[in-house]
Amino acid sequence: MTPIGAVNPLASSVLGRLDPAELTGVGGPNAAPLPPGGTAAVPTDSFSAMLDNLVGTVNAKEVAATQQTTSVLMGDSGALHQSMIAMQESGVAFSLMVQVRNKLVDSYQELMRMQV
């Protein structure tokens, strides 16, 4: 499934790393062979770094949309369509981030309900 528009780099760079086969290098059609010790490599990016990257990407889209909108409103640019597209991309990226946050909170709450 291919994401729509400029959300593609966001989804492929951040959310695409959530695939366990890609993270560990085990399984999947493009999996790297295991090292001689027989264990998979540990991913170098932490989960918090991935979330920071997601928030940074959403913030960058919002800043770009604001700059384009300001440029159109000040009369410096006549590209109203590009400003509208940038605002929509920013909104979609923010909605994606909110949904990821909601899923994380739900997962955390489910873990807290588990009995040990």
PDB file of N, CA and C in Angstrom:
ATOM      1  N   MET A   1       0.838  -1.169   0.000  1.00  0.00           N
ATOM      2  CA  MET A   1       0.000   0.000   0.000  1.00  0.00           C
ATOM      3  C   MET A   1       0.884   1.232   0.000  1.00  0.00           C
ATOM      4  N   THR A   2       0.605   2.170  -0.869  1.00  0.00           N
ATOM      5  CA  THR A   2       1.403   3.369  -0.996  1.00  0.00           C
ATOM      6  C   THR A   2       0.658   4.543  -0.382  1.00  0.00           C
ATOM      7  N   PRO A   3       1.299   5.276   0.566  1.00  0.00           N
ATOM      8  CA  PRO A   3       0.651   6.451   1.132  1.00  0.00           C
ATOM      9  C   PRO A   3       0.445   7.526   0.067  1.00  0.00           C
ATOM     10  N   ILE A   4      -0.454   8.454   0.320  1.00  0.00           N
ATOM     11  CA  ILE A   4      -0.815   9.481  -0.636  1.00  0.00           C
ATOM     12  C   ILE A   4       0.050  10.719  -0.420  1.00  0.00           C
ATOM     13  N   GLY A   5       0.505  11.315  -1.496  1.00  0.00           N
ATOM     14  CA  GLY A   5       1.187  12.603  -1.462  1.00  0.00           C
ATOM     15  C   GLY A   5       2.482  12.614  -0.679  1.00  0.00           C
ATOM     16  N   ALA A   6       2.734  13.709   0.024  1.00  0.00           N
ATOM     17  CA  ALA A   6       3.993  13.918   0.730  1.00  0.00           C
ATOM     18  C   ALA A   6       4.057  13.169   2.049  1.00  0.00           C
ATOM     19  N   VAL A   7       3.021  12.447   2.417  1.00  0.00           N
ATOM     20  CA  VAL A   7       3.074  11.646   3.627  1.00  0.00           C
ATOM     21  C   VAL A   7       3.967  10.433   3.396  1.00  0.00           C
ATOM     22  N   ASN A   8       4.211  10.077   2.139  1.00  0.00           N
ATOM     23  CA  ASN A   8       5.032   8.925   1.805  1.00  0.00           C
ATOM     24  C   ASN A   8       6.391   8.939   2.492  1.00  0.00           C
ATOM     25  N   PRO A   9       7.196  10.025   2.444  1.00  0.00           N
ATOM     26  CA  PRO A   9       8.479  10.002   3.151  1.00  0.00           C
ATOM     27  C   PRO A   9       8.306   9.854   4.648  1.00  0.00           C
ATOM     28  N   LEU A  10       7.274  10.461   5.210  1.00  0.00           N
ATOM     29  CA  LEU A  10       7.022  10.339   6.634  1.00  0.00           C
ATOM     30  C   LEU A  10       6.724   8.896   7.005  1.00  0.00           C
ATOM     31  N   ALA A  11       5.826   8.279   6.276  1.00  0.00           N
ATOM     32  CA  ALA A  11       5.434   6.911   6.596  1.00  0.00           C
ATOM     33  C   ALA A  11       6.563   5.925   6.332  1.00  0.00           C
ATOM     34  N   SER A  12       7.279   6.097   5.242  1.00  0.00           N
ATOM     35  CA  SER A  12       8.303   5.114   4.918  1.00  0.00           C
ATOM     36  C   SER A  12       9.534   5.264   5.789  1.00  0.00           C
ATOM     37  N   SER A  13       9.876   6.474   6.202  1.00  0.00           N
ATOM     38  CA  SER A  13      11.091   6.643   6.992  1.00  0.00           C
ATOM     39  C   SER A  13      10.860   6.365   8.468  1.00  0.00           C
ATOM     40  N   VAL A  14       9.688   6.660   8.977  1.00  0.00           N
ATOM     41  CA  VAL A  14       9.449   6.498  10.401  1.00  0.00           C
ATOM     42  C   VAL A  14       8.640   5.243  10.701  1.00  0.00           C
ATOM     43  N   LEU A  15       7.465   5.165  10.140  1.00  0.00           N
ATOM     44  CA  LEU A  15       6.589   4.053  10.461  1.00  0.00           C
ATOM     45  C   LEU A  15       7.017   2.758   9.777  1.00  0.00           C
ATOM     46  N   GLY A  16       7.754   2.861   8.681  1.00  0.00           N
ATOM     47  CA  GLY A  16       8.238   1.673   7.998  1.00  0.00           C
ATOM     48  C   GLY A  16       9.236   0.894   8.838  1.00  0.00           C
ATOM     49  N   ARG A  17       9.877   1.556   9.795  1.00  0.00           N
ATOM     50  CA  ARG A  17      10.849   0.879  10.642  1.00  0.00           C
ATOM     51  C   ARG A  17      10.197   0.046  11.735  1.00  0.00           C
ATOM     52  N   LEU A  18       8.889   0.053  11.828  1.00  0.00           N
ATOM     53  CA  LEU A  18       8.217  -0.731  12.854  1.00  0.00           C
ATOM     54  C   LEU A  18       8.093  -2.204  12.486  1.00  0.00           C
ATOM     55  N   ASP A  19       8.451  -2.571  11.257  1.00  0.00           N
ATOM     56  CA  ASP A  19       8.382  -3.959  10.827  1.00  0.00           C
ATOM     57  C   ASP A  19       9.464  -4.767  11.526  1.00  0.00           C
ATOM     58  N   PRO A  20       9.116  -5.781  12.340  1.00  0.00           N
ATOM     59  CA  PRO A  20      10.118  -6.542  13.079  1.00  0.00           C
ATOM     60  C   PRO A  20      11.136  -7.231  12.179  1.00  0.00           C
ATOM     61  N   ALA A  21      10.720  -7.649  10.984  1.00  0.00           N
ATOM     62  CA  ALA A  21      11.663  -8.313  10.088  1.00  0.00           C
ATOM     63  C   ALA A  21      12.749  -7.342   9.635  1.00  0.00           C
ATOM     64  N   GLU A  22      12.384  -6.090   9.427  1.00  0.00           N
ATOM     65  CA  GLU A  22      13.378  -5.101   9.036  1.00  0.00           C
ATOM     66  C   GLU A  22      14.266  -4.712  10.204  1.00  0.00           C
ATOM     67  N   LEU A  23      13.680  -4.626  11.404  1.00  0.00           N
ATOM     68  CA  LEU A  23      14.456  -4.217  12.566  1.00  0.00           C
ATOM     69  C   LEU A  23      15.510  -5.248  12.939  1.00  0.00           C
ATOM     70  N   THR A  24      15.150  -6.502  12.883  1.00  0.00           N
ATOM     71  CA  THR A  24      16.081  -7.536  13.327  1.00  0.00           C
ATOM     72  C   THR A  24      16.885  -8.131  12.198  1.00  0.00           C
ATOM     73  N   GLY A  25      16.431  -7.965  10.978  1.00  0.00           N
ATOM     74  CA  GLY A  25      17.134  -8.572   9.855  1.00  0.00           C
ATOM     75  C   GLY A  25      16.788 -10.043   9.689  1.00  0.00           C
ATOM     76  N   VAL A  26      15.782 -10.522  10.409  1.00  0.00           N
ATOM     77  CA  VAL A  26      15.389 -11.923  10.342  1.00  0.00           C
ATOM     78  C   VAL A  26      14.118 -12.038   9.525  1.00  0.00           C
ATOM     79  N   GLY A  27      14.108 -12.924   8.540  1.00  0.00           N
ATOM     80  CA  GLY A  27      12.922 -13.162   7.732  1.00  0.00           C
ATOM     81  C   GLY A  27      12.715 -12.085   6.701  1.00  0.00           C
ATOM     82  N   GLY A  28      11.701 -12.272   5.919  1.00  0.00           N
ATOM     83  CA  GLY A  28      11.366 -11.302   4.887  1.00  0.00           C
ATOM     84  C   GLY A  28      12.195 -11.507   3.635  1.00  0.00           C
ATOM     85  N   PRO A  29      11.725 -11.012   2.498  1.00  0.00           N
ATOM     86  CA  PRO A  29      12.421 -11.240   1.243  1.00  0.00           C
ATOM     87  C   PRO A  29      13.754 -10.498   1.135  1.00  0.00           C
ATOM     88  N   ASN A  30      13.899  -9.358   1.815  1.00  0.00           N
ATOM     89  CA  ASN A  30      15.124  -8.575   1.718  1.00  0.00           C
ATOM     90  C   ASN A  30      15.979  -8.683   2.975  1.00  0.00           C
ATOM     91  N   ALA A  31      15.811  -9.739   3.711  1.00  0.00           N
ATOM     92  CA  ALA A  31      16.525  -9.880   4.975  1.00  0.00           C
ATOM     93  C   ALA A  31      18.009 -10.144   4.739  1.00  0.00           C
ATOM     94  N   ALA A  32      18.805  -9.521   5.593  1.00  0.00           N
ATOM     95  CA  ALA A  32      20.247  -9.750   5.522  1.00  0.00           C
ATOM     96  C   ALA A  32      20.562 -11.086   6.191  1.00  0.00           C
ATOM     97  N   PRO A  33      21.607 -11.771   5.737  1.00  0.00           N
ATOM     98  CA  PRO A  33      21.960 -13.025   6.380  1.00  0.00           C
ATOM     99  C   PRO A  33      22.449 -12.779   7.805  1.00  0.00           C
ATOM    100  N   LEU A  34      22.253 -13.773   8.650  1.00  0.00           N
ATOM    101  CA  LEU A  34      22.689 -13.658  10.038  1.00  0.00           C
ATOM    102  C   LEU A  34      24.211 -13.669  10.112  1.00  0.00           C
ATOM    103  N   PRO A  35      24.802 -12.938  11.066  1.00  0.00           N
ATOM    104  CA  PRO A  35      26.248 -12.975  11.243  1.00  0.00           C
ATOM    105  C   PRO A  35      26.692 -14.346  11.729  1.00  0.00           C
ATOM    106  N   PRO A  36      28.012 -14.618  11.723  1.00  0.00           N
ATOM    107  CA  PRO A  36      28.498 -15.942  12.102  1.00  0.00           C
ATOM    108  C   PRO A  36      28.044 -16.400  13.485  1.00  0.00           C
ATOM    109  N   GLY A  37      27.819 -15.487  14.412  1.00  0.00           N
ATOM    110  CA  GLY A  37      27.364 -15.868  15.750  1.00  0.00           C
ATOM    111  C   GLY A  37      25.941 -16.384  15.753  1.00  0.00           C
ATOM    112  N   GLY A  38      25.174 -16.099  14.715  1.00  0.00           N
ATOM    113  CA  GLY A  38      23.811 -16.611  14.599  1.00  0.00           C
ATOM    114  C   GLY A  38      22.756 -15.713  15.208  1.00  0.00           C
ATOM    115  N   THR A  39      23.124 -14.544  15.722  1.00  0.00           N
ATOM    116  CA  THR A  39      22.133 -13.646  16.303  1.00  0.00           C
ATOM    117  C   THR A  39      21.954 -12.445  15.394  1.00  0.00           C
ATOM    118  N   ALA A  40      20.782 -11.874  15.428  1.00  0.00           N
ATOM    119  CA  ALA A  40      20.479 -10.709  14.598  1.00  0.00           C
ATOM    120  C   ALA A  40      21.052  -9.458  15.245  1.00  0.00           C
ATOM    121  N   ALA A  41      21.350  -8.460  14.433  1.00  0.00           N
ATOM    122  CA  ALA A  41      21.878  -7.199  14.937  1.00  0.00           C
ATOM    123  C   ALA A  41      20.786  -6.414  15.652  1.00  0.00           C
ATOM    124  N   VAL A  42      21.169  -5.672  16.659  1.00  0.00           N
ATOM    125  CA  VAL A  42      20.238  -4.838  17.408  1.00  0.00           C
ATOM    126  C   VAL A  42      20.085  -3.517  16.667  1.00  0.00           C
ATOM    127  N   PRO A  43      18.853  -3.017  16.516  1.00  0.00           N
ATOM    128  CA  PRO A  43      18.668  -1.756  15.818  1.00  0.00           C
ATOM    129  C   PRO A  43      19.398  -0.625  16.538  1.00  0.00           C
ATOM    130  N   THR A  44      19.935   0.319  15.764  1.00  0.00           N
ATOM    131  CA  THR A  44      20.686   1.416  16.361  1.00  0.00           C
ATOM    132  C   THR A  44      19.790   2.564  16.791  1.00  0.00           C
ATOM    133  N   ASP A  45      18.651   2.768  16.141  1.00  0.00           N
ATOM    134  CA  ASP A  45      17.748   3.853  16.510  1.00  0.00           C
ATOM    135  C   ASP A  45      16.864   3.423  17.665  1.00  0.00           C
ATOM    136  N   SER A  46      16.748   4.276  18.655  1.00  0.00           N
ATOM    137  CA  SER A  46      15.870   3.969  19.775  1.00  0.00           C
ATOM    138  C   SER A  46      14.437   4.368  19.416  1.00  0.00           C
ATOM    139  N   PHE A  47      13.517   3.881  20.199  1.00  0.00           N
ATOM    140  CA  PHE A  47      12.109   4.182  19.964  1.00  0.00           C
ATOM    141  C   PHE A  47      11.845   5.666  20.165  1.00  0.00           C
ATOM    142  N   SER A  48      12.488   6.253  21.174  1.00  0.00           N
ATOM    143  CA  SER A  48      12.293   7.681  21.418  1.00  0.00           C
ATOM    144  C   SER A  48      12.860   8.513  20.270  1.00  0.00           C
ATOM    145  N   ALA A  49      13.970   8.073  19.669  1.00  0.00           N
ATOM    146  CA  ALA A  49      14.523   8.801  18.532  1.00  0.00           C
ATOM    147  C   ALA A  49      13.571   8.733  17.341  1.00  0.00           C
ATOM    148  N   MET A  50      12.922   7.595  17.178  1.00  0.00           N
ATOM    149  CA  MET A  50      11.958   7.459  16.088  1.00  0.00           C
ATOM    150  C   MET A  50      10.775   8.405  16.301  1.00  0.00           C
ATOM    151  N   LEU A  51      10.284   8.487  17.535  1.00  0.00           N
ATOM    152  CA  LEU A  51       9.168   9.387  17.822  1.00  0.00           C
ATOM    153  C   LEU A  51       9.590  10.851  17.684  1.00  0.00           C
ATOM    154  N   ASP A  52      10.819  11.172  18.110  1.00  0.00           N
ATOM    155  CA  ASP A  52      11.326  12.533  17.929  1.00  0.00           C
ATOM    156  C   ASP A  52      11.391  12.892  16.451  1.00  0.00           C
ATOM    157  N   ASN A  53      11.812  11.937  15.634  1.00  0.00           N
ATOM    158  CA  ASN A  53      11.874  12.160  14.191  1.00  0.00           C
ATOM    159  C   ASN A  53      10.469  12.396  13.625  1.00  0.00           C
ATOM    160  N   LEU A  54       9.500  11.645  14.099  1.00  0.00           N
ATOM    161  CA  LEU A  54       8.119  11.816  13.653  1.00  0.00           C
ATOM    162  C   LEU A  54       7.600  13.203  14.004  1.00  0.00           C
ATOM    163  N   VAL A  55       7.816  13.632  15.241  1.00  0.00           N
ATOM    164  CA  VAL A  55       7.348  14.948  15.674  1.00  0.00           C
ATOM    165  C   VAL A  55       8.083  16.051  14.908  1.00  0.00           C
ATOM    166  N   GLY A  56       9.374  15.870  14.679  1.00  0.00           N
ATOM    167  CA  GLY A  56      10.141  16.850  13.922  1.00  0.00           C
ATOM    168  C   GLY A  56       9.650  16.991  12.491  1.00  0.00           C
ATOM    169  N   THR A  57       9.309  15.877  11.880  1.00  0.00           N
ATOM    170  CA  THR A  57       8.790  15.903  10.515  1.00  0.00           C
ATOM    171  C   THR A  57       7.449  16.625  10.451  1.00  0.00           C
ATOM    172  N   VAL A  58       6.586  16.348  11.405  1.00  0.00           N
ATOM    173  CA  VAL A  58       5.272  17.016  11.441  1.00  0.00           C
ATOM    174  C   VAL A  58       5.460  18.513  11.674  1.00  0.00           C
ATOM    175  N   ASN A  59       6.364  18.871  12.564  1.00  0.00           N
ATOM    176  CA  ASN A  59       6.624  20.283  12.833  1.00  0.00           C
ATOM    177  C   ASN A  59       7.175  20.992  11.592  1.00  0.00           C
ATOM    178  N   ALA A  60       8.077  20.324  10.879  1.00  0.00           N
ATOM    179  CA  ALA A  60       8.638  20.921   9.667  1.00  0.00           C
ATOM    180  C   ALA A  60       7.561  21.158   8.616  1.00  0.00           C
ATOM    181  N   LYS A  61       6.625  20.230   8.488  1.00  0.00           N
ATOM    182  CA  LYS A  61       5.525  20.408   7.536  1.00  0.00           C
ATOM    183  C   LYS A  61       4.637  21.583   7.952  1.00  0.00           C
ATOM    184  N   GLU A  62       4.404  21.727   9.242  1.00  0.00           N
ATOM    185  CA  GLU A  62       3.579  22.832   9.730  1.00  0.00           C
ATOM    186  C   GLU A  62       4.273  24.170   9.482  1.00  0.00           C
ATOM    187  N   VAL A  63       5.562  24.247   9.745  1.00  0.00           N
ATOM    188  CA  VAL A  63       6.310  25.482   9.514  1.00  0.00           C
ATOM    189  C   VAL A  63       6.313  25.841   8.028  1.00  0.00           C
ATOM    190  N   ALA A  64       6.532  24.853   7.166  1.00  0.00           N
ATOM    191  CA  ALA A  64       6.538  25.106   5.721  1.00  0.00           C
ATOM    192  C   ALA A  64       5.172  25.597   5.249  1.00  0.00           C
ATOM    193  N   ALA A  65       4.108  25.000   5.761  1.00  0.00           N
ATOM    194  CA  ALA A  65       2.761  25.421   5.374  1.00  0.00           C
ATOM    195  C   ALA A  65       2.480  26.843   5.844  1.00  0.00           C
ATOM    196  N   THR A  66       2.926  27.162   7.048  1.00  0.00           N
ATOM    197  CA  THR A  66       2.719  28.510   7.578  1.00  0.00           C
ATOM    198  C   THR A  66       3.486  29.541   6.760  1.00  0.00           C
ATOM    199  N   GLN A  67       4.713  29.207   6.381  1.00  0.00           N
ATOM    200  CA  GLN A  67       5.507  30.130   5.567  1.00  0.00           C
ATOM    201  C   GLN A  67       4.873  30.364   4.196  1.00  0.00           C
ATOM    202  N   GLN A  68       4.404  29.306   3.571  1.00  0.00           N
ATOM    203  CA  GLN A  68       3.770  29.458   2.257  1.00  0.00           C
ATOM    204  C   GLN A  68       2.481  30.259   2.351  1.00  0.00           C
ATOM    205  N   THR A  69       1.703  30.017   3.401  1.00  0.00           N
ATOM    206  CA  THR A  69       0.451  30.747   3.586  1.00  0.00           C
ATOM    207  C   THR A  69       0.726  32.233   3.836  1.00  0.00           C
ATOM    208  N   THR A  70       1.720  32.521   4.660  1.00  0.00           N
ATOM    209  CA  THR A  70       2.088  33.910   4.928  1.00  0.00           C
ATOM    210  C   THR A  70       2.552  34.603   3.652  1.00  0.00           C
ATOM    211  N   SER A  71       3.314  33.884   2.837  1.00  0.00           N
ATOM    212  CA  SER A  71       3.797  34.436   1.577  1.00  0.00           C
ATOM    213  C   SER A  71       2.632  34.784   0.652  1.00  0.00           C
ATOM    214  N   VAL A  72       1.650  33.923   0.597  1.00  0.00           N
ATOM    215  CA  VAL A  72       0.476  34.182  -0.254  1.00  0.00           C
ATOM    216  C   VAL A  72      -0.325  35.358   0.298  1.00  0.00           C
ATOM    217  N   LEU A  73      -0.512  35.407   1.614  1.00  0.00           N
ATOM    218  CA  LEU A  73      -1.299  36.487   2.213  1.00  0.00           C
ATOM    219  C   LEU A  73      -0.622  37.848   2.080  1.00  0.00           C
ATOM    220  N   MET A  74       0.700  37.863   2.081  1.00  0.00           N
ATOM    221  CA  MET A  74       1.437  39.120   1.951  1.00  0.00           C
ATOM    222  C   MET A  74       1.553  39.557   0.494  1.00  0.00           C
ATOM    223  N   GLY A  75       1.180  38.707  -0.432  1.00  0.00           N
ATOM    224  CA  GLY A  75       1.232  39.043  -1.843  1.00  0.00           C
ATOM    225  C   GLY A  75       2.573  38.763  -2.490  1.00  0.00           C
ATOM    226  N   ASP A  76       3.475  38.113  -1.762  1.00  0.00           N
ATOM    227  CA  ASP A  76       4.788  37.780  -2.316  1.00  0.00           C
ATOM    228  C   ASP A  76       4.716  36.626  -3.304  1.00  0.00           C
ATOM    229  N   SER A  77       3.706  35.795  -3.163  1.00  0.00           N
ATOM    230  CA  SER A  77       3.584  34.618  -4.011  1.00  0.00           C
ATOM    231  C   SER A  77       2.135  34.495  -4.477  1.00  0.00           C
ATOM    232  N   GLY A  78       1.986  34.004  -5.686  1.00  0.00           N
ATOM    233  CA  GLY A  78       0.640  33.786  -6.209  1.00  0.00           C
ATOM    234  C   GLY A  78       0.272  32.318  -6.215  1.00  0.00           C
ATOM    235  N   ALA A  79       1.032  31.506  -5.515  1.00  0.00           N
ATOM    236  CA  ALA A  79       0.835  30.060  -5.531  1.00  0.00           C
ATOM    237  C   ALA A  79      -0.113  29.633  -4.407  1.00  0.00           C
ATOM    238  N   LEU A  80      -1.357  30.029  -4.540  1.00  0.00           N
ATOM    239  CA  LEU A  80      -2.356  29.673  -3.537  1.00  0.00           C
ATOM    240  C   LEU A  80      -2.548  28.163  -3.471  1.00  0.00           C
ATOM    241  N   HIS A  81      -2.509  27.498  -4.620  1.00  0.00           N
ATOM    242  CA  HIS A  81      -2.707  26.052  -4.648  1.00  0.00           C
ATOM    243  C   HIS A  81      -1.598  25.322  -3.880  1.00  0.00           C
ATOM    244  N   GLN A  82      -0.359  25.806  -3.991  1.00  0.00           N
ATOM    245  CA  GLN A  82       0.733  25.168  -3.252  1.00  0.00           C
ATOM    246  C   GLN A  82       0.579  25.381  -1.748  1.00  0.00           C
ATOM    247  N   SER A  83       0.092  26.530  -1.370  1.00  0.00           N
ATOM    248  CA  SER A  83      -0.157  26.801   0.044  1.00  0.00           C
ATOM    249  C   SER A  83      -1.242  25.882   0.595  1.00  0.00           C
ATOM    250  N   MET A  84      -2.307  25.707  -0.166  1.00  0.00           N
ATOM    251  CA  MET A  84      -3.393  24.815   0.270  1.00  0.00           C
ATOM    252  C   MET A  84      -2.925  23.366   0.360  1.00  0.00           C
ATOM    253  N   ILE A  85      -2.133  22.940  -0.606  1.00  0.00           N
ATOM    254  CA  ILE A  85      -1.596  21.569  -0.583  1.00  0.00           C
ATOM    255  C   ILE A  85      -0.703  21.382   0.635  1.00  0.00           C
ATOM    256  N   ALA A  86       0.147  22.367   0.928  1.00  0.00           N
ATOM    257  CA  ALA A  86       1.038  22.272   2.087  1.00  0.00           C
ATOM    258  C   ALA A  86       0.241  22.219   3.386  1.00  0.00           C
ATOM    259  N   MET A  87      -0.839  22.991   3.474  1.00  0.00           N
ATOM    260  CA  MET A  87      -1.671  22.947   4.677  1.00  0.00           C
ATOM    261  C   MET A  87      -2.351  21.584   4.826  1.00  0.00           C
ATOM    262  N   GLN A  88      -2.814  21.005   3.725  1.00  0.00           N
ATOM    263  CA  GLN A  88      -3.448  19.688   3.789  1.00  0.00           C
ATOM    264  C   GLN A  88      -2.439  18.613   4.184  1.00  0.00           C
ATOM    265  N   GLU A  89      -1.228  18.688   3.620  1.00  0.00           N
ATOM    266  CA  GLU A  89      -0.184  17.728   3.982  1.00  0.00           C
ATOM    267  C   GLU A  89       0.142  17.830   5.460  1.00  0.00           C
ATOM    268  N   SER A  90       0.214  19.054   5.953  1.00  0.00           N
ATOM    269  CA  SER A  90       0.486  19.271   7.369  1.00  0.00           C
ATOM    270  C   SER A  90      -0.626  18.676   8.232  1.00  0.00           C
ATOM    271  N   GLY A  91      -1.860  18.875   7.822  1.00  0.00           N
ATOM    272  CA  GLY A  91      -2.990  18.328   8.570  1.00  0.00           C
ATOM    273  C   GLY A  91      -3.004  16.810   8.580  1.00  0.00           C
ATOM    274  N   VAL A  92      -2.697  16.203   7.448  1.00  0.00           N
ATOM    275  CA  VAL A  92      -2.664  14.738   7.369  1.00  0.00           C
ATOM    276  C   VAL A  92      -1.520  14.182   8.224  1.00  0.00           C
ATOM    277  N   ALA A  93      -0.362  14.832   8.166  1.00  0.00           N
ATOM    278  CA  ALA A  93       0.771  14.383   8.970  1.00  0.00           C
ATOM    279  C   ALA A  93       0.458  14.497  10.458  1.00  0.00           C
ATOM    280  N   PHE A  94      -0.210  15.592  10.851  1.00  0.00           N
ATOM    281  CA  PHE A  94      -0.579  15.756  12.253  1.00  0.00           C
ATOM    282  C   PHE A  94      -1.595  14.697  12.681  1.00  0.00           C
ATOM    283  N   SER A  95      -2.559  14.419  11.810  1.00  0.00           N
ATOM    284  CA  SER A  95      -3.552  13.374  12.123  1.00  0.00           C
ATOM    285  C   SER A  95      -2.883  12.014  12.282  1.00  0.00           C
ATOM    286  N   LEU A  96      -1.914  11.727  11.427  1.00  0.00           N
ATOM    287  CA  LEU A  96      -1.177  10.471  11.547  1.00  0.00           C
ATOM    288  C   LEU A  96      -0.447  10.402  12.878  1.00  0.00           C
ATOM    289  N   MET A  97       0.204  11.501  13.266  1.00  0.00           N
ATOM    290  CA  MET A  97       0.931  11.528  14.527  1.00  0.00           C
ATOM    291  C   MET A  97      -0.015  11.325  15.709  1.00  0.00           C
ATOM    292  N   VAL A  98      -1.190  11.950  15.667  1.00  0.00           N
ATOM    293  CA  VAL A  98      -2.160  11.794  16.749  1.00  0.00           C
ATOM    294  C   VAL A  98      -2.646  10.348  16.829  1.00  0.00           C
ATOM    295  N   GLN A  99      -2.870   9.717  15.686  1.00  0.00           N
ATOM    296  CA  GLN A  99      -3.313   8.321  15.689  1.00  0.00           C
ATOM    297  C   GLN A  99      -2.234   7.390  16.237  1.00  0.00           C
ATOM    298  N   VAL A 100      -0.978   7.656  15.894  1.00  0.00           N
ATOM    299  CA  VAL A 100       0.129   6.858  16.442  1.00  0.00           C
ATOM    300  C   VAL A 100       0.177   7.037  17.951  1.00  0.00           C
ATOM    301  N   ARG A 101       0.026   8.276  18.414  1.00  0.00           N
ATOM    302  CA  ARG A 101       0.014   8.529  19.854  1.00  0.00           C
ATOM    303  C   ARG A 101      -1.128   7.785  20.540  1.00  0.00           C
ATOM    304  N   ASN A 102      -2.318   7.825  19.936  1.00  0.00           N
ATOM    305  CA  ASN A 102      -3.469   7.140  20.519  1.00  0.00           C
ATOM    306  C   ASN A 102      -3.226   5.634  20.617  1.00  0.00           C
ATOM    307  N   LYS A 103      -2.625   5.047  19.576  1.00  0.00           N
ATOM    308  CA  LYS A 103      -2.334   3.611  19.606  1.00  0.00           C
ATOM    309  C   LYS A 103      -1.303   3.291  20.684  1.00  0.00           C
ATOM    310  N   LEU A 104      -0.315   4.155  20.859  1.00  0.00           N
ATOM    311  CA  LEU A 104       0.686   3.938  21.897  1.00  0.00           C
ATOM    312  C   LEU A 104       0.064   4.007  23.290  1.00  0.00           C
ATOM    313  N   VAL A 105      -0.815   4.975  23.500  1.00  0.00           N
ATOM    314  CA  VAL A 105      -1.483   5.100  24.795  1.00  0.00           C
ATOM    315  C   VAL A 105      -2.370   3.887  25.046  1.00  0.00           C
ATOM    316  N   ASP A 106      -3.110   3.453  24.032  1.00  0.00           N
ATOM    317  CA  ASP A 106      -3.950   2.260  24.176  1.00  0.00           C
ATOM    318  C   ASP A 106      -3.110   1.026  24.504  1.00  0.00           C
ATOM    319  N   SER A 107      -1.979   0.896  23.845  1.00  0.00           N
ATOM    320  CA  SER A 107      -1.098  -0.248  24.109  1.00  0.00           C
ATOM    321  C   SER A 107      -0.564  -0.208  25.531  1.00  0.00           C
ATOM    322  N   TYR A 108      -0.166   0.970  25.982  1.00  0.00           N
ATOM    323  CA  TYR A 108       0.332   1.123  27.342  1.00  0.00           C
ATOM    324  C   TYR A 108      -0.759   0.769  28.356  1.00  0.00           C
ATOM    325  N   GLN A 109      -1.977   1.256  28.129  1.00  0.00           N
ATOM    326  CA  GLN A 109      -3.072   0.960  29.044  1.00  0.00           C
ATOM    327  C   GLN A 109      -3.380  -0.535  29.058  1.00  0.00           C
ATOM    328  N   GLU A 110      -3.290  -1.181  27.910  1.00  0.00           N
ATOM    329  CA  GLU A 110      -3.525  -2.627  27.844  1.00  0.00           C
ATOM    330  C   GLU A 110      -2.452  -3.373  28.622  1.00  0.00           C
ATOM    331  N   LEU A 111      -1.223  -2.942  28.516  1.00  0.00           N
ATOM    332  CA  LEU A 111      -0.148  -3.569  29.292  1.00  0.00           C
ATOM    333  C   LEU A 111      -0.355  -3.399  30.791  1.00  0.00           C
ATOM    334  N   MET A 112      -0.849  -2.246  31.188  1.00  0.00           N
ATOM    335  CA  MET A 112      -1.081  -1.989  32.610  1.00  0.00           C
ATOM    336  C   MET A 112      -2.242  -2.828  33.149  1.00  0.00           C
ATOM    337  N   ARG A 113      -3.164  -3.204  32.285  1.00  0.00           N
ATOM    338  CA  ARG A 113      -4.292  -4.043  32.722  1.00  0.00           C
ATOM    339  C   ARG A 113      -3.925  -5.520  32.822  1.00  0.00           C
ATOM    340  N   MET A 114      -2.810  -5.909  32.235  1.00  0.00           N
ATOM    341  CA  MET A 114      -2.427  -7.323  32.254  1.00  0.00           C
ATOM    342  C   MET A 114      -2.047  -7.756  33.666  1.00  0.00           C
ATOM    343  N   GLN A 115      -2.473  -8.950  34.018  1.00  0.00           N
ATOM    344  CA  GLN A 115      -2.113  -9.503  35.323  1.00  0.00           C
ATOM    345  C   GLN A 115      -0.875 -10.356  35.167  1.00  0.00           C
ATOM    346  N   VAL A 116      -0.011 -10.250  36.145  1.00  0.00           N
ATOM    347  CA  VAL A 116       1.244 -11.001  36.077  1.00  0.00           C
ATOM    348  C   VAL A 116       1.170 -12.225  36.932  1.00  0.00           C
TER     349      VAL A 116
END
